Amino acid sequence: VQLAESGGGSVHAGGSLKLSCVISGLPFADYCLGWFRQTPEMERELGAIAGIDDDSTTYADSVKGRFTISRDNAKNTLDLQMNSLNPEDTAMYYCAAVSAAAGHCMLLPGDYTYWGQGTQVTVSS
């Protein structure tokens, strides 16, 4: 199983970035997919989750209304469109996957089985 993130970079506050994750080696459509983020000062935290249904998305309060998660089951990709970025969004962003066999998608990082290497997002004021 491989998860490969891309799209990170440095932007000024108010700017936008789009992260992408290509996932291989698992039955993509049967997995909950998520974006999490982490800094040296904080534990890995939820960004957004995309469930196996098109409309089943969950966002952390801190990103709600600014970030949009989307998945393409035909291309095995997971995207995160990030708008109105602020310095508090600076972090390493990771995509993650876990089987949806439980019937609902978990929200905690510890519940996710597969992880990418991460892509750095830096937002300057």
N, C-alpha and C. Protein backbone atom coordinates (compact mmCIF):
# COMPACT_ATOMS: atom_id res chain seq x y z
N VAL A 1 0.85 -1.18 0.00
CA VAL A 1 0.00 0.00 0.00
C VAL A 1 0.90 1.24 0.00
N GLN A 2 0.58 2.17 -0.87
CA GLN A 2 1.35 3.41 -0.92
C GLN A 2 0.43 4.61 -0.97
N LEU A 3 0.78 5.62 -0.21
CA LEU A 3 0.09 6.89 -0.22
C LEU A 3 1.15 7.96 -0.47
N ALA A 4 0.94 8.76 -1.49
CA ALA A 4 1.94 9.76 -1.86
C ALA A 4 1.28 11.13 -1.97
N GLU A 5 1.67 12.02 -1.04
CA GLU A 5 1.12 13.37 -1.03
C GLU A 5 1.96 14.31 -1.90
N SER A 6 1.30 15.33 -2.40
CA SER A 6 1.99 16.40 -3.12
C SER A 6 1.17 17.67 -2.99
N GLY A 7 1.80 18.79 -3.37
CA GLY A 7 1.06 20.05 -3.41
C GLY A 7 1.36 21.01 -2.29
N GLY A 8 2.15 20.60 -1.31
CA GLY A 8 2.49 21.51 -0.23
C GLY A 8 3.38 22.64 -0.73
N GLY A 9 3.59 23.63 0.13
CA GLY A 9 4.45 24.75 -0.24
C GLY A 9 4.29 25.89 0.74
N SER A 10 4.78 27.05 0.34
CA SER A 10 4.73 28.24 1.18
C SER A 10 3.83 29.29 0.54
N VAL A 11 2.93 29.84 1.31
CA VAL A 11 2.03 30.88 0.82
C VAL A 11 1.89 31.97 1.87
N HIS A 12 1.39 33.11 1.46
CA HIS A 12 1.06 34.18 2.41
C HIS A 12 -0.35 33.95 2.95
N ALA A 13 -0.61 34.52 4.11
CA ALA A 13 -1.94 34.44 4.70
C ALA A 13 -2.99 34.92 3.70
N GLY A 14 -4.09 34.19 3.65
CA GLY A 14 -5.14 34.50 2.70
C GLY A 14 -5.04 33.73 1.41
N GLY A 15 -3.91 33.08 1.20
CA GLY A 15 -3.69 32.34 -0.02
C GLY A 15 -4.33 30.96 -0.01
N SER A 16 -4.10 30.23 -1.09
CA SER A 16 -4.70 28.90 -1.27
C SER A 16 -3.64 27.90 -1.71
N LEU A 17 -3.88 26.67 -1.37
CA LEU A 17 -3.09 25.54 -1.84
C LEU A 17 -4.01 24.35 -2.04
N LYS A 18 -3.62 23.47 -2.94
CA LYS A 18 -4.36 22.22 -3.13
C LYS A 18 -3.42 21.06 -2.93
N LEU A 19 -3.74 20.22 -1.98
CA LEU A 19 -2.97 19.01 -1.73
C LEU A 19 -3.61 17.84 -2.46
N SER A 20 -2.78 16.94 -2.93
CA SER A 20 -3.26 15.73 -3.57
C SER A 20 -2.56 14.51 -2.99
N CYS A 21 -3.26 13.40 -2.97
CA CYS A 21 -2.70 12.14 -2.48
C CYS A 21 -3.11 11.04 -3.45
N VAL A 22 -2.13 10.35 -3.98
CA VAL A 22 -2.38 9.20 -4.83
C VAL A 22 -2.21 7.94 -4.00
N ILE A 23 -3.21 7.08 -4.03
CA ILE A 23 -3.22 5.89 -3.17
C ILE A 23 -3.26 4.65 -4.05
N SER A 24 -2.42 3.69 -3.74
CA SER A 24 -2.39 2.44 -4.50
C SER A 24 -2.26 1.27 -3.55
N GLY A 25 -2.70 0.10 -4.04
CA GLY A 25 -2.51 -1.12 -3.27
C GLY A 25 -3.64 -1.50 -2.35
N LEU A 26 -4.76 -0.78 -2.40
CA LEU A 26 -5.91 -1.15 -1.60
C LEU A 26 -7.18 -0.86 -2.39
N PRO A 27 -8.29 -1.50 -1.98
CA PRO A 27 -9.58 -1.25 -2.68
C PRO A 27 -10.10 0.13 -2.32
N PHE A 28 -9.68 1.11 -3.08
CA PHE A 28 -9.85 2.53 -2.77
C PHE A 28 -11.28 2.88 -2.35
N ALA A 29 -12.25 2.40 -3.09
CA ALA A 29 -13.65 2.78 -2.86
C ALA A 29 -14.18 2.26 -1.53
N ASP A 30 -13.50 1.31 -0.91
CA ASP A 30 -13.96 0.70 0.34
C ASP A 30 -13.28 1.29 1.56
N TYR A 31 -12.53 2.38 1.37
CA TYR A 31 -11.74 2.94 2.46
C TYR A 31 -12.16 4.36 2.81
N CYS A 32 -12.20 4.62 4.11
CA CYS A 32 -12.30 5.99 4.59
C CYS A 32 -10.94 6.66 4.37
N LEU A 33 -10.97 7.90 3.94
CA LEU A 33 -9.74 8.63 3.63
C LEU A 33 -9.73 9.95 4.39
N GLY A 34 -8.57 10.34 4.82
CA GLY A 34 -8.52 11.56 5.59
C GLY A 34 -7.25 12.35 5.38
N TRP A 35 -7.34 13.61 5.71
CA TRP A 35 -6.17 14.49 5.81
C TRP A 35 -6.00 14.88 7.27
N PHE A 36 -4.81 14.69 7.77
CA PHE A 36 -4.46 15.07 9.13
C PHE A 36 -3.27 16.00 9.06
N ARG A 37 -3.03 16.72 10.15
CA ARG A 37 -1.88 17.62 10.16
C ARG A 37 -1.20 17.61 11.52
N GLN A 38 0.06 17.97 11.51
CA GLN A 38 0.86 17.90 12.74
C GLN A 38 1.98 18.93 12.67
N THR A 39 2.26 19.52 13.84
CA THR A 39 3.42 20.39 14.00
C THR A 39 4.27 19.83 15.13
N PRO A 40 5.49 20.30 15.28
CA PRO A 40 6.32 19.83 16.42
C PRO A 40 5.68 20.12 17.78
N GLU A 41 4.80 21.13 17.82
CA GLU A 41 4.22 21.53 19.10
C GLU A 41 2.91 20.82 19.42
N MET A 42 2.30 20.16 18.44
CA MET A 42 1.01 19.56 18.71
C MET A 42 0.93 18.14 18.14
N GLU A 43 0.05 17.36 18.71
CA GLU A 43 -0.16 16.01 18.22
C GLU A 43 -0.88 16.06 16.87
N ARG A 44 -0.78 14.98 16.16
CA ARG A 44 -1.47 14.90 14.87
C ARG A 44 -2.96 15.07 15.10
N GLU A 45 -3.58 15.90 14.26
CA GLU A 45 -4.99 16.21 14.46
C GLU A 45 -5.75 16.09 13.16
N LEU A 46 -7.04 15.94 13.31
CA LEU A 46 -7.93 15.83 12.15
C LEU A 46 -7.94 17.10 11.34
N GLY A 47 -7.91 16.92 10.02
CA GLY A 47 -8.20 18.03 9.13
C GLY A 47 -9.58 17.80 8.53
N ALA A 48 -9.68 16.72 7.75
CA ALA A 48 -10.94 16.40 7.09
C ALA A 48 -10.98 14.93 6.73
N ILE A 49 -12.20 14.40 6.68
CA ILE A 49 -12.41 12.99 6.34
C ILE A 49 -13.38 12.90 5.17
N ALA A 50 -13.08 12.01 4.24
CA ALA A 50 -14.00 11.71 3.15
C ALA A 50 -14.44 10.26 3.27
N GLY A 51 -15.71 10.04 3.53
CA GLY A 51 -16.23 8.70 3.63
C GLY A 51 -16.43 8.07 2.27
N ILE A 52 -17.00 6.89 2.27
CA ILE A 52 -17.15 6.16 1.02
C ILE A 52 -18.32 6.68 0.19
N ASP A 53 -19.21 7.45 0.79
CA ASP A 53 -20.29 8.08 0.05
C ASP A 53 -19.88 9.49 -0.34
N ASP A 54 -20.38 9.96 -1.45
CA ASP A 54 -19.97 11.25 -1.99
C ASP A 54 -20.21 12.41 -1.01
N ASP A 55 -21.26 12.32 -0.21
CA ASP A 55 -21.61 13.44 0.64
C ASP A 55 -21.21 13.24 2.09
N SER A 56 -20.43 12.21 2.37
CA SER A 56 -20.05 11.94 3.75
C SER A 56 -18.68 12.52 4.04
N THR A 57 -18.65 13.79 4.36
CA THR A 57 -17.40 14.46 4.71
C THR A 57 -17.50 15.03 6.11
N THR A 58 -16.36 15.10 6.77
CA THR A 58 -16.28 15.66 8.11
C THR A 58 -15.08 16.59 8.17
N TYR A 59 -15.27 17.72 8.81
CA TYR A 59 -14.19 18.70 8.91
C TYR A 59 -13.96 19.07 10.36
N ALA A 60 -12.70 19.33 10.69
CA ALA A 60 -12.40 19.93 11.98
C ALA A 60 -12.97 21.34 11.99
N ASP A 61 -13.39 21.80 13.16
CA ASP A 61 -13.97 23.14 13.26
C ASP A 61 -13.00 24.21 12.76
N SER A 62 -11.71 23.97 12.96
CA SER A 62 -10.70 24.96 12.60
C SER A 62 -10.56 25.16 11.10
N VAL A 63 -11.04 24.22 10.30
CA VAL A 63 -10.89 24.33 8.85
C VAL A 63 -12.22 24.40 8.13
N LYS A 64 -13.30 24.21 8.86
CA LYS A 64 -14.63 24.19 8.25
C LYS A 64 -14.91 25.50 7.54
N GLY A 65 -15.41 25.39 6.32
CA GLY A 65 -15.71 26.58 5.54
C GLY A 65 -14.54 27.09 4.71
N ARG A 66 -13.34 26.60 5.00
CA ARG A 66 -12.16 27.03 4.26
C ARG A 66 -11.54 25.89 3.45
N PHE A 67 -11.62 24.68 3.96
CA PHE A 67 -11.02 23.53 3.30
C PHE A 67 -12.13 22.66 2.69
N THR A 68 -11.82 22.03 1.57
CA THR A 68 -12.74 21.10 0.94
C THR A 68 -12.00 19.83 0.58
N ILE A 69 -12.50 18.71 1.09
CA ILE A 69 -11.91 17.41 0.79
C ILE A 69 -12.72 16.75 -0.31
N SER A 70 -12.02 16.05 -1.20
CA SER A 70 -12.73 15.35 -2.26
C SER A 70 -11.94 14.12 -2.66
N ARG A 71 -12.64 13.10 -3.10
CA ARG A 71 -12.00 11.87 -3.53
C ARG A 71 -12.48 11.52 -4.92
N ASP A 72 -11.61 10.90 -5.69
CA ASP A 72 -11.94 10.43 -7.03
C ASP A 72 -11.67 8.94 -7.06
N ASN A 73 -12.74 8.15 -6.97
CA ASN A 73 -12.58 6.70 -6.91
C ASN A 73 -12.09 6.12 -8.23
N ALA A 74 -12.24 6.84 -9.31
CA ALA A 74 -11.75 6.36 -10.60
C ALA A 74 -10.24 6.55 -10.74
N LYS A 75 -9.73 7.60 -10.11
CA LYS A 75 -8.30 7.91 -10.22
C LYS A 75 -7.52 7.53 -8.96
N ASN A 76 -8.22 7.05 -7.94
CA ASN A 76 -7.58 6.71 -6.66
C ASN A 76 -6.83 7.90 -6.06
N THR A 77 -7.48 9.04 -6.08
CA THR A 77 -6.85 10.24 -5.53
C THR A 77 -7.73 10.89 -4.48
N LEU A 78 -7.07 11.55 -3.55
CA LEU A 78 -7.73 12.31 -2.49
C LEU A 78 -7.15 13.71 -2.51
N ASP A 79 -7.99 14.70 -2.59
CA ASP A 79 -7.53 16.09 -2.65
C ASP A 79 -8.00 16.87 -1.43
N LEU A 80 -7.28 17.93 -1.14
CA LEU A 80 -7.69 18.88 -0.12
C LEU A 80 -7.45 20.29 -0.65
N GLN A 81 -8.52 20.96 -0.97
CA GLN A 81 -8.43 22.36 -1.39
C GLN A 81 -8.47 23.23 -0.15
N MET A 82 -7.44 24.04 0.02
CA MET A 82 -7.31 24.87 1.22
C MET A 82 -7.33 26.33 0.81
N ASN A 83 -8.33 27.05 1.26
CA ASN A 83 -8.48 28.47 0.96
C ASN A 83 -8.38 29.29 2.25
N SER A 84 -8.17 30.58 2.08
CA SER A 84 -8.09 31.50 3.23
C SER A 84 -7.14 30.98 4.29
N LEU A 85 -5.99 30.56 3.85
CA LEU A 85 -5.01 30.00 4.78
C LEU A 85 -4.50 31.06 5.74
N ASN A 86 -4.20 30.62 6.95
CA ASN A 86 -3.62 31.51 7.96
C ASN A 86 -2.42 30.82 8.59
N PRO A 87 -1.59 31.57 9.32
CA PRO A 87 -0.37 30.96 9.87
C PRO A 87 -0.63 29.76 10.76
N GLU A 88 -1.81 29.69 11.38
CA GLU A 88 -2.14 28.54 12.23
C GLU A 88 -2.33 27.25 11.43
N ASP A 89 -2.44 27.37 10.13
CA ASP A 89 -2.56 26.18 9.28
C ASP A 89 -1.19 25.59 8.93
N THR A 90 -0.12 26.27 9.32
CA THR A 90 1.22 25.75 9.06
C THR A 90 1.41 24.41 9.76
N ALA A 91 1.75 23.39 9.00
CA ALA A 91 1.89 22.04 9.54
C ALA A 91 2.36 21.10 8.45
N MET A 92 2.74 19.91 8.86
CA MET A 92 2.93 18.81 7.91
C MET A 92 1.57 18.14 7.74
N TYR A 93 1.17 17.98 6.50
CA TYR A 93 -0.14 17.39 6.20
C TYR A 93 0.05 15.97 5.68
N TYR A 94 -0.75 15.06 6.24
CA TYR A 94 -0.66 13.65 5.90
C TYR A 94 -2.00 13.15 5.38
N CYS A 95 -1.97 12.32 4.34
CA CYS A 95 -3.18 11.61 3.98
C CYS A 95 -3.12 10.22 4.61
N ALA A 96 -4.30 9.68 4.90
CA ALA A 96 -4.40 8.42 5.61
C ALA A 96 -5.62 7.65 5.14
N ALA A 97 -5.58 6.34 5.35
CA ALA A 97 -6.67 5.48 4.91
C ALA A 97 -6.93 4.38 5.94
N VAL A 98 -8.20 4.03 6.05
CA VAL A 98 -8.60 2.90 6.90
C VAL A 98 -9.83 2.26 6.27
N SER A 99 -9.94 0.97 6.43
CA SER A 99 -11.08 0.26 5.88
C SER A 99 -12.39 0.80 6.46
N ALA A 100 -13.41 0.90 5.63
CA ALA A 100 -14.71 1.36 6.06
C ALA A 100 -15.58 0.21 6.55
N ALA A 101 -14.97 -0.92 6.86
CA ALA A 101 -15.73 -2.10 7.28
C ALA A 101 -16.56 -1.84 8.53
N ALA A 102 -16.15 -0.89 9.34
CA ALA A 102 -16.89 -0.58 10.56
C ALA A 102 -18.24 0.07 10.27
N GLY A 103 -18.42 0.55 9.06
CA GLY A 103 -19.69 1.16 8.68
C GLY A 103 -19.71 2.67 8.83
N HIS A 104 -18.72 3.21 9.53
CA HIS A 104 -18.61 4.66 9.64
C HIS A 104 -17.14 5.01 9.70
N CYS A 105 -16.82 6.23 9.40
CA CYS A 105 -15.41 6.62 9.34
C CYS A 105 -14.95 7.18 10.69
N MET A 106 -13.78 6.71 11.09
CA MET A 106 -13.19 7.17 12.34
C MET A 106 -12.61 8.56 12.17
N LEU A 107 -12.45 9.26 13.28
CA LEU A 107 -11.94 10.63 13.23
C LEU A 107 -10.58 10.79 13.89
N LEU A 108 -10.11 9.79 14.60
CA LEU A 108 -8.84 9.90 15.31
C LEU A 108 -7.70 9.33 14.49
N PRO A 109 -6.55 9.98 14.53
CA PRO A 109 -5.41 9.48 13.76
C PRO A 109 -5.06 8.04 14.10
N GLY A 110 -5.19 7.66 15.36
CA GLY A 110 -4.82 6.32 15.77
C GLY A 110 -5.67 5.24 15.16
N ASP A 111 -6.81 5.62 14.60
CA ASP A 111 -7.70 4.64 13.98
C ASP A 111 -7.33 4.35 12.53
N TYR A 112 -6.40 5.11 11.98
CA TYR A 112 -6.06 4.97 10.56
C TYR A 112 -4.87 4.05 10.38
N THR A 113 -4.97 3.21 9.36
CA THR A 113 -4.01 2.13 9.15
C THR A 113 -2.83 2.54 8.29
N TYR A 114 -3.12 3.24 7.22
CA TYR A 114 -2.09 3.56 6.24
C TYR A 114 -1.87 5.07 6.17
N TRP A 115 -0.60 5.44 6.02
CA TRP A 115 -0.22 6.85 6.04
C TRP A 115 0.79 7.16 4.94
N GLY A 116 0.69 8.38 4.44
CA GLY A 116 1.71 8.88 3.54
C GLY A 116 2.86 9.49 4.32
N GLN A 117 3.85 10.00 3.60
CA GLN A 117 5.03 10.58 4.22
C GLN A 117 4.82 12.03 4.64
N GLY A 118 3.80 12.65 4.10
CA GLY A 118 3.49 14.02 4.48
C GLY A 118 4.00 15.04 3.48
N THR A 119 3.35 16.19 3.47
CA THR A 119 3.78 17.32 2.66
C THR A 119 3.64 18.59 3.51
N GLN A 120 4.68 19.43 3.48
CA GLN A 120 4.73 20.59 4.36
C GLN A 120 3.95 21.76 3.77
N VAL A 121 3.14 22.38 4.63
CA VAL A 121 2.44 23.61 4.28
C VAL A 121 2.90 24.70 5.26
N THR A 122 3.37 25.81 4.71
CA THR A 122 3.84 26.92 5.52
C THR A 122 3.10 28.18 5.10
N VAL A 123 2.45 28.83 6.06
CA VAL A 123 1.69 30.04 5.78
C VAL A 123 2.32 31.19 6.57
N SER A 124 2.74 32.20 5.87
CA SER A 124 3.37 33.35 6.52
C SER A 124 2.37 34.50 6.63
N SER A 125 2.57 35.29 7.65
CA SER A 125 1.64 36.41 7.89
C SER A 125 2.05 37.64 7.10
